[in-house]
Structure formats: C-alpha cells, structure tokens
C-alpha atoms as a PDB file:
ATOM      1  CA  MET A   1     -24.754 -18.813   2.449  1.00  0.00           C
ATOM      2  CA  GLU A   2     -22.557 -18.063  -0.555  1.00  0.00           C
ATOM      3  CA  GLU A   3     -23.126 -14.275  -0.368  1.00  0.00           C
ATOM      4  CA  GLU A   4     -21.730 -14.470   3.567  1.00  0.00           C
ATOM      5  CA  LYS A   5     -18.596 -15.921   2.097  1.00  0.00           C
ATOM      6  CA  ASP A   6     -18.112 -12.766   0.036  1.00  0.00           C
ATOM      7  CA  VAL A   7     -18.209 -10.138   2.999  1.00  0.00           C
ATOM      8  CA  LYS A   8     -15.278  -7.959   3.498  1.00  0.00           C
ATOM      9  CA  THR A   9     -14.569  -7.467   7.183  1.00  0.00           C
ATOM     10  CA  ILE A  10     -12.997  -4.416   8.134  1.00  0.00           C
ATOM     11  CA  LEU A  11     -11.179  -3.387  11.622  1.00  0.00           C
ATOM     12  CA  ILE A  12     -11.491   0.096  12.513  1.00  0.00           C
ATOM     13  CA  VAL A  13      -8.804   1.394  15.034  1.00  0.00           C
ATOM     14  CA  ASP A  14      -9.504   4.555  16.392  1.00  0.00           C
ATOM     15  CA  ASP A  15      -9.497   5.838  20.137  1.00  0.00           C
ATOM     16  CA  GLU A  16     -12.060   8.273  19.310  1.00  0.00           C
ATOM     17  CA  GLU A  17     -15.755   6.450  19.818  1.00  0.00           C
ATOM     18  CA  PRO A  18     -17.540   8.935  17.639  1.00  0.00           C
ATOM     19  CA  ILE A  19     -15.676   8.310  14.309  1.00  0.00           C
ATOM     20  CA  ARG A  20     -15.371   4.672  14.776  1.00  0.00           C
ATOM     21  CA  ASN A  21     -19.408   4.966  14.672  1.00  0.00           C
ATOM     22  CA  ILE A  22     -19.393   7.374  11.539  1.00  0.00           C
ATOM     23  CA  LEU A  23     -16.856   4.850  10.291  1.00  0.00           C
ATOM     24  CA  THR A  24     -18.887   1.993  11.229  1.00  0.00           C
ATOM     25  CA  HIS A  25     -22.015   3.275   9.921  1.00  0.00           C
ATOM     26  CA  ASN A  26     -20.858   3.929   6.117  1.00  0.00           C
ATOM     27  CA  LEU A  27     -19.329   1.803   5.976  1.00  0.00           C
ATOM     28  CA  SER A  28     -22.113  -1.235   7.327  1.00  0.00           C
ATOM     29  CA  LYS A  29     -23.797   0.652   4.522  1.00  0.00           C
ATOM     30  CA  GLU A  30     -21.265  -0.575   1.881  1.00  0.00           C
ATOM     31  CA  GLY A  31     -22.053  -3.927   2.544  1.00  0.00           C
ATOM     32  CA  TYR A  32     -19.267  -4.445   4.909  1.00  0.00           C
ATOM     33  CA  ALA A  33     -18.649  -6.261   8.260  1.00  0.00           C
ATOM     34  CA  VAL A  34     -16.967  -4.531  10.722  1.00  0.00           C
ATOM     35  CA  ILE A  35     -15.214  -4.923  14.041  1.00  0.00           C
ATOM     36  CA  GLU A  36     -13.424  -2.412  16.315  1.00  0.00           C
ATOM     37  CA  ALA A  37     -10.737  -1.733  18.540  1.00  0.00           C
ATOM     38  CA  SER A  38      -9.774   1.717  20.715  1.00  0.00           C
ATOM     39  CA  ASP A  39      -6.268   0.921  21.174  1.00  0.00           C
ATOM     40  CA  GLY A  40      -3.064  -0.731  20.125  1.00  0.00           C
ATOM     41  CA  LEU A  41      -2.774  -3.754  21.891  1.00  0.00           C
ATOM     42  CA  THR A  42      -6.542  -4.721  21.898  1.00  0.00           C
ATOM     43  CA  ALA A  43      -5.940  -4.141  17.414  1.00  0.00           C
ATOM     44  CA  VAL A  44      -2.900  -6.422  17.548  1.00  0.00           C
ATOM     45  CA  ASP A  45      -4.864  -9.435  19.194  1.00  0.00           C
ATOM     46  CA  MET A  46      -7.942  -8.779  17.232  1.00  0.00           C
ATOM     47  CA  ALA A  47      -6.081  -8.708  13.707  1.00  0.00           C
ATOM     48  CA  LEU A  48      -4.260 -12.170  14.827  1.00  0.00           C
ATOM     49  CA  GLU A  49      -7.451 -13.921  15.472  1.00  0.00           C
ATOM     50  CA  GLN A  50     -10.090 -12.447  13.328  1.00  0.00           C
ATOM     51  CA  LYS A  51      -7.950 -11.969  10.476  1.00  0.00           C
ATOM     52  CA  PRO A  52      -9.876  -8.879   8.012  1.00  0.00           C
ATOM     53  CA  ASN A  53      -9.681  -8.076   4.409  1.00  0.00           C
ATOM     54  CA  LEU A  54      -8.570  -4.380   5.520  1.00  0.00           C
ATOM     55  CA  ILE A  55      -7.415  -2.562   8.381  1.00  0.00           C
ATOM     56  CA  LEU A  56      -8.202   1.174   9.243  1.00  0.00           C
ATOM     57  CA  LEU A  57      -5.283   2.493  11.683  1.00  0.00           C
ATOM     58  CA  ASP A  58      -4.820   5.449  13.385  1.00  0.00           C
ATOM     59  CA  ILE A  59      -1.984   6.499  14.373  1.00  0.00           C
ATOM     60  CA  MET A  60      -2.696   8.303  17.938  1.00  0.00           C
ATOM     61  CA  LEU A  61      -3.670   5.005  20.280  1.00  0.00           C
ATOM     62  CA  PRO A  62      -3.350   4.235  23.746  1.00  0.00           C
ATOM     63  CA  LYS A  63      -1.607   1.473  24.716  1.00  0.00           C
ATOM     64  CA  LEU A  64       0.141   0.728  21.629  1.00  0.00           C
ATOM     65  CA  ASP A  65       0.800   3.439  18.757  1.00  0.00           C
ATOM     66  CA  GLY A  66      -0.779   2.828  15.350  1.00  0.00           C
ATOM     67  CA  LEU A  67       2.821   2.230  14.006  1.00  0.00           C
ATOM     68  CA  SER A  68       3.643  -0.298  16.222  1.00  0.00           C
ATOM     69  CA  VAL A  69       0.401  -1.753  15.685  1.00  0.00           C
ATOM     70  CA  CYS A  70       1.339  -2.031  11.944  1.00  0.00           C
ATOM     71  CA  LYS A  71       4.612  -2.968  12.282  1.00  0.00           C
ATOM     72  CA  ARG A  72       3.088  -5.773  14.700  1.00  0.00           C
ATOM     73  CA  ILE A  73       0.752  -6.927  11.789  1.00  0.00           C
ATOM     74  CA  LYS A  74       2.308  -6.524   9.068  1.00  0.00           C
ATOM     75  CA  ASN A  75       5.133  -8.815  10.830  1.00  0.00           C
ATOM     76  CA  SER A  76       2.426 -11.644  10.968  1.00  0.00           C
ATOM     77  CA  MET A  77      -0.016 -11.194   7.938  1.00  0.00           C
ATOM     78  CA  ASN A  78       0.219  -9.579   5.058  1.00  0.00           C
ATOM     79  CA  VAL A  79      -3.643  -7.520   5.384  1.00  0.00           C
ATOM     80  CA  PRO A  80      -3.954  -4.022   3.500  1.00  0.00           C
ATOM     81  CA  ILE A  81      -3.584  -1.196   6.417  1.00  0.00           C
ATOM     82  CA  LEU A  82      -5.097   2.785   5.514  1.00  0.00           C
ATOM     83  CA  MET A  83      -3.261   4.892   8.316  1.00  0.00           C
ATOM     84  CA  LEU A  84      -5.774   7.596  10.032  1.00  0.00           C
ATOM     85  CA  THR A  85      -3.454  10.433  10.893  1.00  0.00           C
ATOM     86  CA  ALA A  86      -4.285  13.873  12.306  1.00  0.00           C
ATOM     87  CA  LYS A  87      -0.593  14.684  11.461  1.00  0.00           C
ATOM     88  CA  ASP A  88       0.696  16.493   8.015  1.00  0.00           C
ATOM     89  CA  GLY A  89       3.867  15.639   8.779  1.00  0.00           C
ATOM     90  CA  GLU A  90       5.800  13.879   6.227  1.00  0.00           C
ATOM     91  CA  ILE A  91       7.714  11.673   8.796  1.00  0.00           C
ATOM     92  CA  ASP A  92       4.668   9.834   9.971  1.00  0.00           C
ATOM     93  CA  LYS A  93       3.514   9.186   6.184  1.00  0.00           C
ATOM     94  CA  ILE A  94       7.322   8.068   5.671  1.00  0.00           C
ATOM     95  CA  LEU A  95       7.489   6.236   8.601  1.00  0.00           C
ATOM     96  CA  GLY A  96       4.090   4.407   7.929  1.00  0.00           C
ATOM     97  CA  LEU A  97       4.433   3.456   4.464  1.00  0.00           C
ATOM     98  CA  GLU A  98       7.906   1.818   5.948  1.00  0.00           C
ATOM     99  CA  LEU A  99       6.834  -0.238   8.294  1.00  0.00           C
ATOM    100  CA  GLY A 100       4.267  -1.610   5.225  1.00  0.00           C
ATOM    101  CA  ALA A 101       0.940   0.593   5.521  1.00  0.00           C
ATOM    102  CA  ASP A 102      -0.540   0.538   2.138  1.00  0.00           C
ATOM    103  CA  ASP A 103      -1.633   4.027   2.328  1.00  0.00           C
ATOM    104  CA  TYR A 104      -2.822   6.936   4.270  1.00  0.00           C
ATOM    105  CA  ILE A 105      -5.214   9.795   4.665  1.00  0.00           C
ATOM    106  CA  THR A 106      -5.003  12.808   6.712  1.00  0.00           C
ATOM    107  CA  LYS A 107      -7.798  13.734   9.495  1.00  0.00           C
ATOM    108  CA  PRO A 108     -10.343  15.470   8.849  1.00  0.00           C
ATOM    109  CA  PHE A 109     -11.481  13.400   5.640  1.00  0.00           C
ATOM    110  CA  SER A 110     -14.411  13.176   3.862  1.00  0.00           C
ATOM    111  CA  VAL A 111     -16.244   9.637   4.352  1.00  0.00           C
ATOM    112  CA  ARG A 112     -16.849   9.257   0.757  1.00  0.00           C
ATOM    113  CA  GLU A 113     -12.737   9.715  -0.023  1.00  0.00           C
ATOM    114  CA  LEU A 114     -12.112   7.415   2.872  1.00  0.00           C
ATOM    115  CA  VAL A 115     -14.621   4.907   1.168  1.00  0.00           C
ATOM    116  CA  ALA A 116     -13.003   5.024  -2.093  1.00  0.00           C
ATOM    117  CA  ARG A 117      -9.641   4.310  -0.458  1.00  0.00           C
ATOM    118  CA  VAL A 118     -11.343   1.445   1.082  1.00  0.00           C
ATOM    119  CA  LYS A 119     -12.731   0.213  -2.341  1.00  0.00           C
ATOM    120  CA  ALA A 120      -9.666   1.022  -3.974  1.00  0.00           C
ATOM    121  CA  ASN A 121      -6.802  -1.232  -1.658  1.00  0.00           C
ATOM    122  CA  LEU A 122      -9.390  -4.077  -1.234  1.00  0.00           C
ATOM    123  CA  ARG A 123      -9.830  -4.352  -5.173  1.00  0.00           C
ATOM    124  CA  LYS A 124      -5.560  -4.131  -5.421  1.00  0.00           C
ATOM    125  CA  VAL A 125      -5.694  -7.158  -3.057  1.00  0.00           C
ATOM    126  CA  GLU A 126      -8.129  -9.125  -5.602  1.00  0.00           C
ATOM    127  CA  VAL A 127      -5.955  -7.805  -8.407  1.00  0.00           C
ATOM    128  CA  ASN A 128      -3.059  -9.352  -6.975  1.00  0.00           C
ATOM    129  CA  ILE A 129      -4.539 -12.408  -6.229  1.00  0.00           C
ATOM    130  CA  ASN A 130      -5.635 -13.510  -9.752  1.00  0.00           C
ATOM    131  CA  THR A 131      -2.185 -11.895 -10.668  1.00  0.00           C
ATOM    132  CA  GLN A 132      -0.339 -14.497  -8.792  1.00  0.00           C
ATOM    133  CA  ASN A 133      -2.491 -17.292  -9.994  1.00  0.00           C
ATOM    134  CA  ASP A 134      -1.813 -16.160 -13.251  1.00  0.00           C
ATOM    135  CA  SER A 135       1.799 -16.448 -13.035  1.00  0.00           C
ATOM    136  CA  LYS A 136       1.533 -19.705 -11.699  1.00  0.00           C
ATOM    137  CA  ASP A 137      -0.327 -21.762 -15.020  1.00  0.00           C
ATOM    138  CA  SER A 138       1.651 -19.264 -17.271  1.00  0.00           C
ATOM    139  CA  LYS A 139       4.715 -20.288 -19.172  1.00  0.00           C
ATOM    140  CA  LYS A 140       6.272 -17.636 -19.738  1.00  0.00           C
ATOM    141  CA  ASP A 141       9.432 -15.939 -18.543  1.00  0.00           C
ATOM    142  CA  SER A 142       8.625 -14.313 -14.718  1.00  0.00           C
ATOM    143  CA  LYS A 143      11.691 -12.048 -15.045  1.00  0.00           C
ATOM    144  CA  ILE A 144      11.876  -8.478 -16.508  1.00  0.00           C
ATOM    145  CA  VAL A 145      15.593  -7.319 -16.668  1.00  0.00           C
ATOM    146  CA  VAL A 146      16.592  -3.621 -17.261  1.00  0.00           C
ATOM    147  CA  GLY A 147      19.926  -2.538 -17.287  1.00  0.00           C
ATOM    148  CA  GLU A 148      21.207  -3.235 -14.010  1.00  0.00           C
ATOM    149  CA  LEU A 149      17.699  -3.857 -12.418  1.00  0.00           C
ATOM    150  CA  GLU A 150      16.008  -7.505 -12.284  1.00  0.00           C
ATOM    151  CA  LEU A 151      12.824  -8.505 -10.896  1.00  0.00           C
ATOM    152  CA  ASP A 152      11.166 -12.023 -10.157  1.00  0.00           C
ATOM    153  CA  VAL A 153       7.401 -11.482 -10.740  1.00  0.00           C
ATOM    154  CA  GLU A 154       6.919 -14.811  -9.152  1.00  0.00           C
ATOM    155  CA  LYS A 155       8.871 -14.475  -6.651  1.00  0.00           C
ATOM    156  CA  PHE A 156       8.613 -10.867  -5.749  1.00  0.00           C
ATOM    157  CA  GLU A 157      12.067 -10.581  -6.129  1.00  0.00           C
ATOM    158  CA  VAL A 158      14.124  -7.819  -6.978  1.00  0.00           C
ATOM    159  CA  LYS A 159      18.010  -7.223  -7.461  1.00  0.00           C
ATOM    160  CA  VAL A 160      20.348  -4.163  -8.364  1.00  0.00           C
ATOM    161  CA  ARG A 161      23.517  -4.827  -9.580  1.00  0.00           C
ATOM    162  CA  GLY A 162      22.940  -9.035  -8.986  1.00  0.00           C
ATOM    163  CA  GLU A 163      22.023  -7.969  -4.768  1.00  0.00           C
ATOM    164  CA  THR A 164      18.811  -8.723  -3.570  1.00  0.00           C
ATOM    165  CA  ILE A 165      17.235  -5.551  -2.828  1.00  0.00           C
ATOM    166  CA  ASP A 166      14.265  -5.810   0.141  1.00  0.00           C
ATOM    167  CA  LEU A 167      10.993  -3.856  -0.772  1.00  0.00           C
ATOM    168  CA  THR A 168       7.606  -4.078   0.213  1.00  0.00           C
ATOM    169  CA  LEU A 169       4.944  -5.373  -1.895  1.00  0.00           C
ATOM    170  CA  ARG A 170       3.572  -1.372  -3.082  1.00  0.00           C
ATOM    171  CA  GLU A 171       7.187  -0.368  -3.790  1.00  0.00           C
ATOM    172  CA  PHE A 172       7.583  -3.972  -5.975  1.00  0.00           C
ATOM    173  CA  GLU A 173       4.558  -2.830  -7.707  1.00  0.00           C
ATOM    174  CA  VAL A 174       5.588   0.390  -8.506  1.00  0.00           C
ATOM    175  CA  LEU A 175       8.980  -1.114  -9.874  1.00  0.00           C
ATOM    176  CA  LYS A 176       7.192  -3.066 -11.790  1.00  0.00           C
ATOM    177  CA  PHE A 177       4.766  -1.100 -13.626  1.00  0.00           C
ATOM    178  CA  LEU A 178       7.816   1.101 -14.472  1.00  0.00           C
ATOM    179  CA  ALA A 179       9.916  -1.578 -15.576  1.00  0.00           C
ATOM    180  CA  THR A 180       7.334  -2.948 -17.963  1.00  0.00           C
ATOM    181  CA  GLN A 181       7.680  -0.643 -20.152  1.00  0.00           C
ATOM    182  CA  PRO A 182      11.148   1.385 -19.918  1.00  0.00           C
ATOM    183  CA  GLY A 183      12.056   4.447 -20.968  1.00  0.00           C
ATOM    184  CA  GLN A 184       8.654   5.389 -21.065  1.00  0.00           C
ATOM    185  CA  VAL A 185       7.841   8.749 -18.638  1.00  0.00           C
ATOM    186  CA  VAL A 186       4.329   7.474 -16.220  1.00  0.00           C
ATOM    187  CA  THR A 187       3.082  10.527 -14.625  1.00  0.00           C
ATOM    188  CA  ARG A 188       2.232  10.341 -11.092  1.00  0.00           C
ATOM    189  CA  GLU A 189      -1.609   9.553 -11.683  1.00  0.00           C
ATOM    190  CA  THR A 190      -0.952   7.277 -14.094  1.00  0.00           C
ATOM    191  CA  LEU A 191       0.458   5.425 -10.831  1.00  0.00           C
ATOM    192  CA  LEU A 192      -1.808   6.221  -8.232  1.00  0.00           C
ATOM    193  CA  GLU A 193      -4.737   4.756 -10.642  1.00  0.00           C
ATOM    194  CA  LYS A 194      -2.531   1.862 -11.687  1.00  0.00           C
ATOM    195  CA  VAL A 195      -0.720   0.642  -8.576  1.00  0.00           C
ATOM    196  CA  TRP A 196      -3.067   2.156  -5.980  1.00  0.00           C
ATOM    197  CA  GLY A 197      -5.965   1.899  -7.547  1.00  0.00           C
ATOM    198  CA  TYR A 198      -7.276   5.076  -7.304  1.00  0.00           C
ATOM    199  CA  GLU A 199      -9.764   6.576  -9.737  1.00  0.00           C
ATOM    200  CA  TYR A 200     -10.685   9.493  -8.690  1.00  0.00           C
ATOM    201  CA  TYR A 201      -9.287   9.934  -5.239  1.00  0.00           C
ATOM    202  CA  GLY A 202      -5.720   9.976  -3.806  1.00  0.00           C
ATOM    203  CA  ASP A 203      -3.014  11.838  -2.507  1.00  0.00           C
ATOM    204  CA  ILE A 204       0.024  12.559  -5.007  1.00  0.00           C
ATOM    205  CA  ARG A 205       2.213  12.563  -2.490  1.00  0.00           C
ATOM    206  CA  THR A 206       1.658   9.083  -2.087  1.00  0.00           C
ATOM    207  CA  VAL A 207       3.601   8.222  -5.195  1.00  0.00           C
ATOM    208  CA  ASP A 208       6.729  10.829  -4.682  1.00  0.00           C
ATOM    209  CA  VAL A 209       7.013   8.997  -0.935  1.00  0.00           C
ATOM    210  CA  THR A 210       6.997   5.294  -2.006  1.00  0.00           C
ATOM    211  CA  VAL A 211       9.744   6.816  -5.076  1.00  0.00           C
ATOM    212  CA  ARG A 212      11.636   8.298  -2.245  1.00  0.00           C
ATOM    213  CA  ARG A 213      11.629   4.915  -0.651  1.00  0.00           C
ATOM    214  CA  ILE A 214      12.681   2.654  -3.688  1.00  0.00           C
ATOM    215  CA  ARG A 215      15.523   4.997  -4.513  1.00  0.00           C
ATOM    216  CA  GLU A 216      17.037   4.751  -1.192  1.00  0.00           C
ATOM    217  CA  LYS A 217      17.086   1.273  -1.313  1.00  0.00           C
ATOM    218  CA  ILE A 218      18.154   0.823  -5.307  1.00  0.00           C
ATOM    219  CA  GLU A 219      20.310   3.519  -6.012  1.00  0.00           C
ATOM    220  CA  LYS A 220      24.078   4.667  -5.508  1.00  0.00           C
ATOM    221  CA  ASP A 221      23.563   8.175  -4.983  1.00  0.00           C
ATOM    222  CA  THR A 222      19.460   9.523  -4.812  1.00  0.00           C
ATOM    223  CA  SER A 223      20.540  12.700  -5.606  1.00  0.00           C
ATOM    224  CA  THR A 224      21.234  11.414  -9.142  1.00  0.00           C
ATOM    225  CA  PRO A 225      19.061   8.547  -9.763  1.00  0.00           C
ATOM    226  CA  GLN A 226      20.440   6.317 -12.438  1.00  0.00           C
ATOM    227  CA  ILE A 227      17.580   3.605 -12.497  1.00  0.00           C
ATOM    228  CA  LEU A 228      14.542   5.465 -11.601  1.00  0.00           C
ATOM    229  CA  VAL A 229      14.216   8.395 -13.259  1.00  0.00           C
ATOM    230  CA  THR A 230      12.297  11.693 -12.553  1.00  0.00           C
ATOM    231  CA  LYS A 231      11.440  13.635 -15.429  1.00  0.00           C
ATOM    232  CA  ARG A 232      10.777  17.272 -14.038  1.00  0.00           C
ATOM    233  CA  GLY A 233       6.869  17.777 -14.184  1.00  0.00           C
ATOM    234  CA  VAL A 234       5.529  14.945 -15.520  1.00  0.00           C
ATOM    235  CA  GLY A 235       6.223  11.950 -14.015  1.00  0.00           C
ATOM    236  CA  TYR A 236       8.821   8.925 -13.236  1.00  0.00           C
ATOM    237  CA  TYR A 237      10.698   6.115 -15.850  1.00  0.00           C
ATOM    238  CA  ILE A 238      12.746   3.271 -16.141  1.00  0.00           C
ATOM    239  CA  ASP A 239      16.479   4.556 -17.538  1.00  0.00           C
ATOM    240  CA  ASP A 240      16.689   1.747 -20.214  1.00  0.00           C
ATOM    241  CA  GLU A 241      19.805   3.010 -21.534  1.00  0.00           C
END
C-alpha cells in the first residue's frame, strides 16, 4: 500500500483523442496514474475534485480555452501546469506564464522531451516542499537583501524600495537564485537547470520570458534595468552595487 501513495497523478487536457492516447500510454509506462479531459470546463472540475500532481494543458480547447483554465485552477490550487501549444507566438507563452503556468512545450513535441519536462516539474515540487520544511526547522535569517531588493524566503515575499511586489512562484525562484549570489553572472542554461530542473531539455526562451516579466514588476525602467541586469551573450545577474 505504501507504493500506491507515491504514485503521481497527471491530468491530460487535450481535445485531440490521438494525443491523449499517446500521452496516456507513455506516462502510464513511466508509472504515473493518468486522468483525461477533452474540454476546458471538464478540466477545471476534474482538477479541483481529483487534485492531480501535474496538469498537461492544451491552449486551444472547446468550452473554455487553456489560458482561462490555467487561471481558474491556479486561483484555487497550487499545481504545476505544463501548457501544450500549437502556436509558436511569444504572446501565448507570455500569457501562459503570467497566469501562473510553470512551463510550456510547443507542438509537435517529442514524447521523450515531454516526459522529461513532466519529471523535472514534479521533481521541482518535491525540492520546494523539502526546502520549505528545512526553512521551518532552520534558525537562519530567512531574508536576502541586495541593494533595493529584499526577499523573504519563508513568506515568498519580495520588496523593492520597500514596496511589496507580486511575483509568481517561478519568478520568485529565479530572483532568489540570482540574489543568493549577487554580482555573479548566471547563464540561461544554469537557470534552466537549477530553477526549472532541466538537465538536458528546455527552451532557453522560457528563461528570457520569465526575466522579462520580473523586470516589468521590479524595475523603474525596463530598457535600462538597475536590479536584474543582462550580461550580453552570457546571462543575468543581480547588481550588488
């Protein structure tokens, strides 16, 4: 019975039955329990009732589009959502990430890459839970202060010039990773591996989109960032001067 408790449940939301069948087959082979929905409204109901560990969510859906589904689910529960999109336009990706999606992958995708993304996002959840438990037991100061930037790791709270900034969990993780090593340039590949959990797979643009969203929230002028700075051709760093 112990093994039963450890089985992760994945909700697949796609109106194309062949895609659901392929994903169900491959994820089941990996040991996951899989449930399916073919429209947005059913997806929301299933997510809230059955509380899956991760959701694979298509953007183009009948009854309720994937972005609206993402927003409704994230307003009620914290579950990793990986958006599936047939559109390669940046706008869909930015909107998806802004609404709280944890990741996206563009169709057509390789099943091997998608399974790797699923594993990475589930692993990240485990790491976050362990980190939170460790921080509760730790007597260390939970605040990170670099110049005008202040992070409270226990409360997942960010302040810039004393003003509280509303960040998604992923945005907070990026900022925290950089703030723990101020002045040190971190490559996009390193951020993808350490924050998103990808060792071999991942779209570098995911990092750029997330950094862009963070800057819109913390910088006075995004064209000349003073806090989250780009080192051209290398990566990003938090200015510690």
